[in-house]
Amino acid sequence: MRSIPLPDPPLTDGEISLRPWERRDVPAVAAACQDPEIPRWTVVPHDYTERHARDFIAGTGTDIAAGRELALAIVDTDDRVLGALGLSNFDWPDLKAEIGYWMAAESRRRGIGARATRMVALWAISALGLERIELLANPKNEASQRLAERAGFTREGTLRRYRRRHGVREDLVMFSLLAEDIAEDGAP
């Protein structure tokens, strides 16, 4: 495995930015993850505490160095945490990775998640040389599926009982963004 470089310069669209997690983000992460919608659709524990947030943030540097995961905070112009975004399940020989996210309740339905997802996906294709970015959503999570489509991902189909989450095997809808999709639509 190889280390994952951080986006340099940091990714921003002028309204939101993606940056590495910092210790000072612990209270914001713990507060956001109290929302039952986050553990409902992600691997975030149902009983999320500040200790979970501290452990998560403390481990992000190791995951980056080991080439396992790039976890970034989505922040506004005042550096307030709006959500989380990450690339994981890197398959370097096959030049692909998976993208995942959660948005704090007050940041939803504003297009922030789709913009952040698109930014990091384009960066991963251009800067890391990935050819395929995958995004998986529970079939009942319509908001996540809409986010994927707004970010330019293509729905491929449902993967039956694809992965275990909170001890239960679940179906997941596969979306992808390919390097050639970007070349075809002319998007930067």
C-alpha atoms as a PDB file:
ATOM      1  CA  MET A   1       0.000   0.000   0.000  1.00  0.00           C
ATOM      2  CA  ARG A   2       1.021   3.570  -0.518  1.00  0.00           C
ATOM      3  CA  SER A   3       0.368   6.702   1.468  1.00  0.00           C
ATOM      4  CA  ILE A   4      -2.477   8.928   0.303  1.00  0.00           C
ATOM      5  CA  PRO A   5      -1.438  12.542  -0.278  1.00  0.00           C
ATOM      6  CA  LEU A   6      -3.659  15.270   1.076  1.00  0.00           C
ATOM      7  CA  PRO A   7      -5.211  17.560  -1.523  1.00  0.00           C
ATOM      8  CA  ASP A   8      -2.761  20.411  -2.093  1.00  0.00           C
ATOM      9  CA  PRO A   9      -4.048  23.045  -2.335  1.00  0.00           C
ATOM     10  CA  PRO A  10      -7.010  22.082  -0.127  1.00  0.00           C
ATOM     11  CA  LEU A  11     -10.235  21.451  -2.023  1.00  0.00           C
ATOM     12  CA  THR A  12     -12.732  24.310  -1.933  1.00  0.00           C
ATOM     13  CA  ASP A  13     -15.467  25.862  -4.035  1.00  0.00           C
ATOM     14  CA  GLY A  14     -15.331  29.143  -2.131  1.00  0.00           C
ATOM     15  CA  GLU A  15     -18.269  28.231   0.128  1.00  0.00           C
ATOM     16  CA  ILE A  16     -17.203  24.846   1.463  1.00  0.00           C
ATOM     17  CA  SER A  17     -13.780  23.308   1.943  1.00  0.00           C
ATOM     18  CA  LEU A  18     -12.456  19.835   2.627  1.00  0.00           C
ATOM     19  CA  ARG A  19      -9.689  19.587   5.209  1.00  0.00           C
ATOM     20  CA  PRO A  20      -8.093  16.977   7.469  1.00  0.00           C
ATOM     21  CA  TRP A  21      -9.787  16.332  10.793  1.00  0.00           C
ATOM     22  CA  GLU A  22      -8.357  18.106  13.837  1.00  0.00           C
ATOM     23  CA  ARG A  23      -8.673  17.445  17.583  1.00  0.00           C
ATOM     24  CA  ARG A  24     -10.777  20.569  17.984  1.00  0.00           C
ATOM     25  CA  ASP A  25     -13.458  18.909  15.780  1.00  0.00           C
ATOM     26  CA  VAL A  26     -14.286  16.279  18.426  1.00  0.00           C
ATOM     27  CA  PRO A  27     -17.298  18.128  19.929  1.00  0.00           C
ATOM     28  CA  ALA A  28     -18.774  18.900  16.499  1.00  0.00           C
ATOM     29  CA  VAL A  29     -18.420  15.289  15.325  1.00  0.00           C
ATOM     30  CA  ALA A  30     -19.891  13.907  18.551  1.00  0.00           C
ATOM     31  CA  ALA A  31     -22.827  16.345  18.367  1.00  0.00           C
ATOM     32  CA  ALA A  32     -23.560  15.607  14.688  1.00  0.00           C
ATOM     33  CA  CYS A  33     -23.456  11.848  15.233  1.00  0.00           C
ATOM     34  CA  GLN A  34     -26.209  12.079  17.868  1.00  0.00           C
ATOM     35  CA  ASP A  35     -28.599  12.423  14.932  1.00  0.00           C
ATOM     36  CA  PRO A  36     -30.180   8.951  14.509  1.00  0.00           C
ATOM     37  CA  GLU A  37     -30.104   9.328  10.707  1.00  0.00           C
ATOM     38  CA  ILE A  38     -26.290   9.056  10.647  1.00  0.00           C
ATOM     39  CA  PRO A  39     -25.986   5.602  12.267  1.00  0.00           C
ATOM     40  CA  ARG A  40     -29.140   4.537  10.436  1.00  0.00           C
ATOM     41  CA  TRP A  41     -27.315   4.711   7.100  1.00  0.00           C
ATOM     42  CA  THR A  42     -23.599   4.479   8.005  1.00  0.00           C
ATOM     43  CA  VAL A  43     -21.246   2.399  10.154  1.00  0.00           C
ATOM     44  CA  VAL A  44     -21.233   5.139  12.827  1.00  0.00           C
ATOM     45  CA  PRO A  45     -22.217   3.536  16.169  1.00  0.00           C
ATOM     46  CA  HIS A  46     -25.718   4.240  17.502  1.00  0.00           C
ATOM     47  CA  ASP A  47     -24.377   5.295  20.893  1.00  0.00           C
ATOM     48  CA  TYR A  48     -21.764   7.720  19.562  1.00  0.00           C
ATOM     49  CA  THR A  49     -19.737   9.568  22.188  1.00  0.00           C
ATOM     50  CA  GLU A  50     -16.873  12.052  22.294  1.00  0.00           C
ATOM     51  CA  ARG A  51     -14.559   9.085  22.831  1.00  0.00           C
ATOM     52  CA  HIS A  52     -15.669   7.638  19.490  1.00  0.00           C
ATOM     53  CA  ALA A  53     -14.964  11.020  17.878  1.00  0.00           C
ATOM     54  CA  ARG A  54     -11.527  11.282  19.514  1.00  0.00           C
ATOM     55  CA  ASP A  55     -10.597   7.747  18.407  1.00  0.00           C
ATOM     56  CA  PHE A  56     -11.850   8.396  14.871  1.00  0.00           C
ATOM     57  CA  ILE A  57      -9.926  11.662  14.503  1.00  0.00           C
ATOM     58  CA  ALA A  58      -6.782  10.227  16.125  1.00  0.00           C
ATOM     59  CA  GLY A  59      -6.772   7.336  13.638  1.00  0.00           C
ATOM     60  CA  THR A  60      -7.172   9.381  10.476  1.00  0.00           C
ATOM     61  CA  GLY A  61      -3.448  10.143  10.104  1.00  0.00           C
ATOM     62  CA  THR A  62      -2.502   6.475  10.414  1.00  0.00           C
ATOM     63  CA  ASP A  63      -5.121   5.492   7.830  1.00  0.00           C
ATOM     64  CA  ILE A  64      -3.803   8.107   5.379  1.00  0.00           C
ATOM     65  CA  ALA A  65      -0.175   7.000   5.875  1.00  0.00           C
ATOM     66  CA  ALA A  66      -1.146   3.344   5.379  1.00  0.00           C
ATOM     67  CA  GLY A  67      -3.128   4.099   2.199  1.00  0.00           C
ATOM     68  CA  ARG A  68      -6.347   2.752   3.721  1.00  0.00           C
ATOM     69  CA  GLU A  69      -8.573   5.795   3.979  1.00  0.00           C
ATOM     70  CA  LEU A  70      -8.631   9.535   3.436  1.00  0.00           C
ATOM     71  CA  ALA A  71     -11.098  11.089   5.890  1.00  0.00           C
ATOM     72  CA  LEU A  72     -11.861  14.789   5.497  1.00  0.00           C
ATOM     73  CA  ALA A  73     -14.047  17.306   7.279  1.00  0.00           C
ATOM     74  CA  ILE A  74     -16.492  19.323   5.188  1.00  0.00           C
ATOM     75  CA  VAL A  75     -16.398  22.852   6.609  1.00  0.00           C
ATOM     76  CA  ASP A  76     -17.915  26.239   5.779  1.00  0.00           C
ATOM     77  CA  THR A  77     -16.089  29.554   5.421  1.00  0.00           C
ATOM     78  CA  ASP A  78     -16.135  29.945   9.225  1.00  0.00           C
ATOM     79  CA  ASP A  79     -14.510  26.486   9.563  1.00  0.00           C
ATOM     80  CA  ARG A  80     -17.662  24.946  11.099  1.00  0.00           C
ATOM     81  CA  VAL A  81     -18.007  21.201  10.523  1.00  0.00           C
ATOM     82  CA  LEU A  82     -20.862  20.492   8.109  1.00  0.00           C
ATOM     83  CA  GLY A  83     -20.167  16.825   7.515  1.00  0.00           C
ATOM     84  CA  ALA A  84     -17.636  14.095   6.819  1.00  0.00           C
ATOM     85  CA  LEU A  85     -16.345  12.748   3.545  1.00  0.00           C
ATOM     86  CA  GLY A  86     -13.881   9.996   2.861  1.00  0.00           C
ATOM     87  CA  LEU A  87     -12.280   7.717   0.348  1.00  0.00           C
ATOM     88  CA  SER A  88     -11.793   4.130   1.506  1.00  0.00           C
ATOM     89  CA  ASN A  89     -11.494   0.549   0.276  1.00  0.00           C
ATOM     90  CA  PHE A  90      -8.678   1.573  -2.038  1.00  0.00           C
ATOM     91  CA  ASP A  91      -7.795  -1.009  -4.652  1.00  0.00           C
ATOM     92  CA  TRP A  92      -4.568   0.505  -5.944  1.00  0.00           C
ATOM     93  CA  PRO A  93      -3.813  -2.230  -8.527  1.00  0.00           C
ATOM     94  CA  ASP A  94      -7.286  -1.730 -10.026  1.00  0.00           C
ATOM     95  CA  LEU A  95      -7.187   2.091  -9.542  1.00  0.00           C
ATOM     96  CA  LYS A  96     -10.477   2.380  -7.685  1.00  0.00           C
ATOM     97  CA  ALA A  97     -11.807   3.458  -4.302  1.00  0.00           C
ATOM     98  CA  GLU A  98     -15.105   3.958  -2.506  1.00  0.00           C
ATOM     99  CA  ILE A  99     -16.493   7.277  -1.350  1.00  0.00           C
ATOM    100  CA  GLY A 100     -18.638   7.733   1.733  1.00  0.00           C
ATOM    101  CA  TYR A 101     -20.086  10.641   3.670  1.00  0.00           C
ATOM    102  CA  TRP A 102     -22.466  11.899   6.288  1.00  0.00           C
ATOM    103  CA  MET A 103     -23.907  15.361   6.671  1.00  0.00           C
ATOM    104  CA  ALA A 104     -24.850  17.112   9.903  1.00  0.00           C
ATOM    105  CA  ALA A 105     -28.640  17.557  10.064  1.00  0.00           C
ATOM    106  CA  GLU A 106     -28.526  21.348   9.592  1.00  0.00           C
ATOM    107  CA  SER A 107     -26.336  20.959   6.474  1.00  0.00           C
ATOM    108  CA  ARG A 108     -28.652  18.642   4.555  1.00  0.00           C
ATOM    109  CA  ARG A 109     -30.745  19.545   1.521  1.00  0.00           C
ATOM    110  CA  ARG A 110     -28.456  22.427   0.563  1.00  0.00           C
ATOM    111  CA  GLY A 111     -26.334  20.660  -2.081  1.00  0.00           C
ATOM    112  CA  ILE A 112     -23.260  20.683   0.175  1.00  0.00           C
ATOM    113  CA  GLY A 113     -22.827  16.907   0.194  1.00  0.00           C
ATOM    114  CA  ALA A 114     -23.103  16.610  -3.583  1.00  0.00           C
ATOM    115  CA  ARG A 115     -20.607  19.438  -4.130  1.00  0.00           C
ATOM    116  CA  ALA A 116     -18.126  17.965  -1.653  1.00  0.00           C
ATOM    117  CA  THR A 117     -18.524  14.477  -3.124  1.00  0.00           C
ATOM    118  CA  ARG A 118     -17.929  15.776  -6.642  1.00  0.00           C
ATOM    119  CA  MET A 119     -14.867  17.766  -5.528  1.00  0.00           C
ATOM    120  CA  VAL A 120     -13.139  14.833  -3.866  1.00  0.00           C
ATOM    121  CA  ALA A 121     -14.060  12.410  -6.673  1.00  0.00           C
ATOM    122  CA  LEU A 122     -12.620  14.701  -9.351  1.00  0.00           C
ATOM    123  CA  TRP A 123      -9.492  15.204  -7.246  1.00  0.00           C
ATOM    124  CA  ALA A 124      -9.086  11.431  -6.730  1.00  0.00           C
ATOM    125  CA  ILE A 125      -9.306  10.836 -10.461  1.00  0.00           C
ATOM    126  CA  SER A 126      -6.986  13.675 -11.474  1.00  0.00           C
ATOM    127  CA  ALA A 127      -4.461  13.718  -8.609  1.00  0.00           C
ATOM    128  CA  LEU A 128      -4.407  10.064  -7.529  1.00  0.00           C
ATOM    129  CA  GLY A 129      -4.945   8.596 -10.987  1.00  0.00           C
ATOM    130  CA  LEU A 130      -7.962   6.553  -9.941  1.00  0.00           C
ATOM    131  CA  GLU A 131     -10.146   5.360 -12.794  1.00  0.00           C
ATOM    132  CA  ARG A 132     -13.257   4.422 -10.829  1.00  0.00           C
ATOM    133  CA  ILE A 133     -14.903   5.890  -7.739  1.00  0.00           C
ATOM    134  CA  GLU A 134     -17.673   3.803  -6.206  1.00  0.00           C
ATOM    135  CA  LEU A 135     -20.469   5.035  -3.966  1.00  0.00           C
ATOM    136  CA  LEU A 136     -22.814   2.642  -2.145  1.00  0.00           C
ATOM    137  CA  ALA A 137     -26.201   3.592  -0.685  1.00  0.00           C
ATOM    138  CA  ASN A 138     -28.906   1.619   1.038  1.00  0.00           C
ATOM    139  CA  PRO A 139     -31.900   1.281  -1.345  1.00  0.00           C
ATOM    140  CA  LYS A 140     -34.137   2.944   1.274  1.00  0.00           C
ATOM    141  CA  ASN A 141     -31.804   5.930   1.622  1.00  0.00           C
ATOM    142  CA  GLU A 142     -33.300   8.043  -1.148  1.00  0.00           C
ATOM    143  CA  ALA A 143     -31.468  11.205  -0.050  1.00  0.00           C
ATOM    144  CA  SER A 144     -28.080   9.516  -0.463  1.00  0.00           C
ATOM    145  CA  GLN A 145     -29.061   8.186  -3.880  1.00  0.00           C
ATOM    146  CA  ARG A 146     -30.123  11.684  -5.004  1.00  0.00           C
ATOM    147  CA  LEU A 147     -26.837  13.077  -3.680  1.00  0.00           C
ATOM    148  CA  ALA A 148     -24.889  10.503  -5.719  1.00  0.00           C
ATOM    149  CA  GLU A 149     -26.738  11.425  -8.900  1.00  0.00           C
ATOM    150  CA  ARG A 150     -26.333  15.185  -8.293  1.00  0.00           C
ATOM    151  CA  ALA A 151     -22.594  14.585  -7.825  1.00  0.00           C
ATOM    152  CA  GLY A 152     -22.485  13.026 -11.313  1.00  0.00           C
ATOM    153  CA  PHE A 153     -22.390   9.350 -10.349  1.00  0.00           C
ATOM    154  CA  THR A 154     -24.198   6.729 -12.443  1.00  0.00           C
ATOM    155  CA  ARG A 155     -26.495   4.184 -10.838  1.00  0.00           C
ATOM    156  CA  GLU A 156     -25.336   0.690 -11.778  1.00  0.00           C
ATOM    157  CA  GLY A 157     -27.692  -1.567  -9.836  1.00  0.00           C
ATOM    158  CA  THR A 158     -28.416  -3.243  -6.530  1.00  0.00           C
ATOM    159  CA  LEU A 159     -25.866  -5.526  -4.902  1.00  0.00           C
ATOM    160  CA  ARG A 160     -27.839  -8.094  -2.945  1.00  0.00           C
ATOM    161  CA  ARG A 161     -26.769  -8.607   0.684  1.00  0.00           C
ATOM    162  CA  TYR A 162     -23.459  -6.965  -0.237  1.00  0.00           C
ATOM    163  CA  ARG A 163     -22.090  -5.910   3.140  1.00  0.00           C
ATOM    164  CA  ARG A 164     -22.693  -6.215   6.857  1.00  0.00           C
ATOM    165  CA  ARG A 165     -23.522  -3.051   8.798  1.00  0.00           C
ATOM    166  CA  HIS A 166     -24.380  -3.054  12.487  1.00  0.00           C
ATOM    167  CA  GLY A 167     -24.379  -6.861  12.330  1.00  0.00           C
ATOM    168  CA  VAL A 168     -26.926  -7.137   9.514  1.00  0.00           C
ATOM    169  CA  ARG A 169     -26.203  -7.951   5.885  1.00  0.00           C
ATOM    170  CA  GLU A 170     -27.827  -5.334   3.633  1.00  0.00           C
ATOM    171  CA  ASP A 171     -28.512  -4.650  -0.016  1.00  0.00           C
ATOM    172  CA  LEU A 172     -26.663  -1.653  -1.427  1.00  0.00           C
ATOM    173  CA  VAL A 173     -27.153   0.362  -4.605  1.00  0.00           C
ATOM    174  CA  MET A 174     -23.889   0.790  -6.508  1.00  0.00           C
ATOM    175  CA  PHE A 175     -23.082   4.127  -8.134  1.00  0.00           C
ATOM    176  CA  SER A 176     -19.859   4.938  -9.949  1.00  0.00           C
ATOM    177  CA  LEU A 177     -17.960   7.818 -11.455  1.00  0.00           C
ATOM    178  CA  LEU A 178     -15.390   6.839 -14.062  1.00  0.00           C
ATOM    179  CA  ALA A 179     -12.455   8.837 -15.360  1.00  0.00           C
ATOM    180  CA  GLU A 180     -13.979   8.708 -18.843  1.00  0.00           C
ATOM    181  CA  ASP A 181     -17.269  10.134 -17.506  1.00  0.00           C
ATOM    182  CA  ILE A 182     -15.396  13.308 -16.650  1.00  0.00           C
ATOM    183  CA  ALA A 183     -13.676  13.420 -20.026  1.00  0.00           C
ATOM    184  CA  GLU A 184     -17.033  12.899 -21.757  1.00  0.00           C
ATOM    185  CA  ASP A 185     -18.953  15.627 -19.917  1.00  0.00           C
ATOM    186  CA  GLY A 186     -16.086  18.085 -20.042  1.00  0.00           C
ATOM    187  CA  ALA A 187     -16.247  18.715 -16.307  1.00  0.00           C
ATOM    188  CA  PRO A 188     -13.072  19.810 -14.602  1.00  0.00           C
END
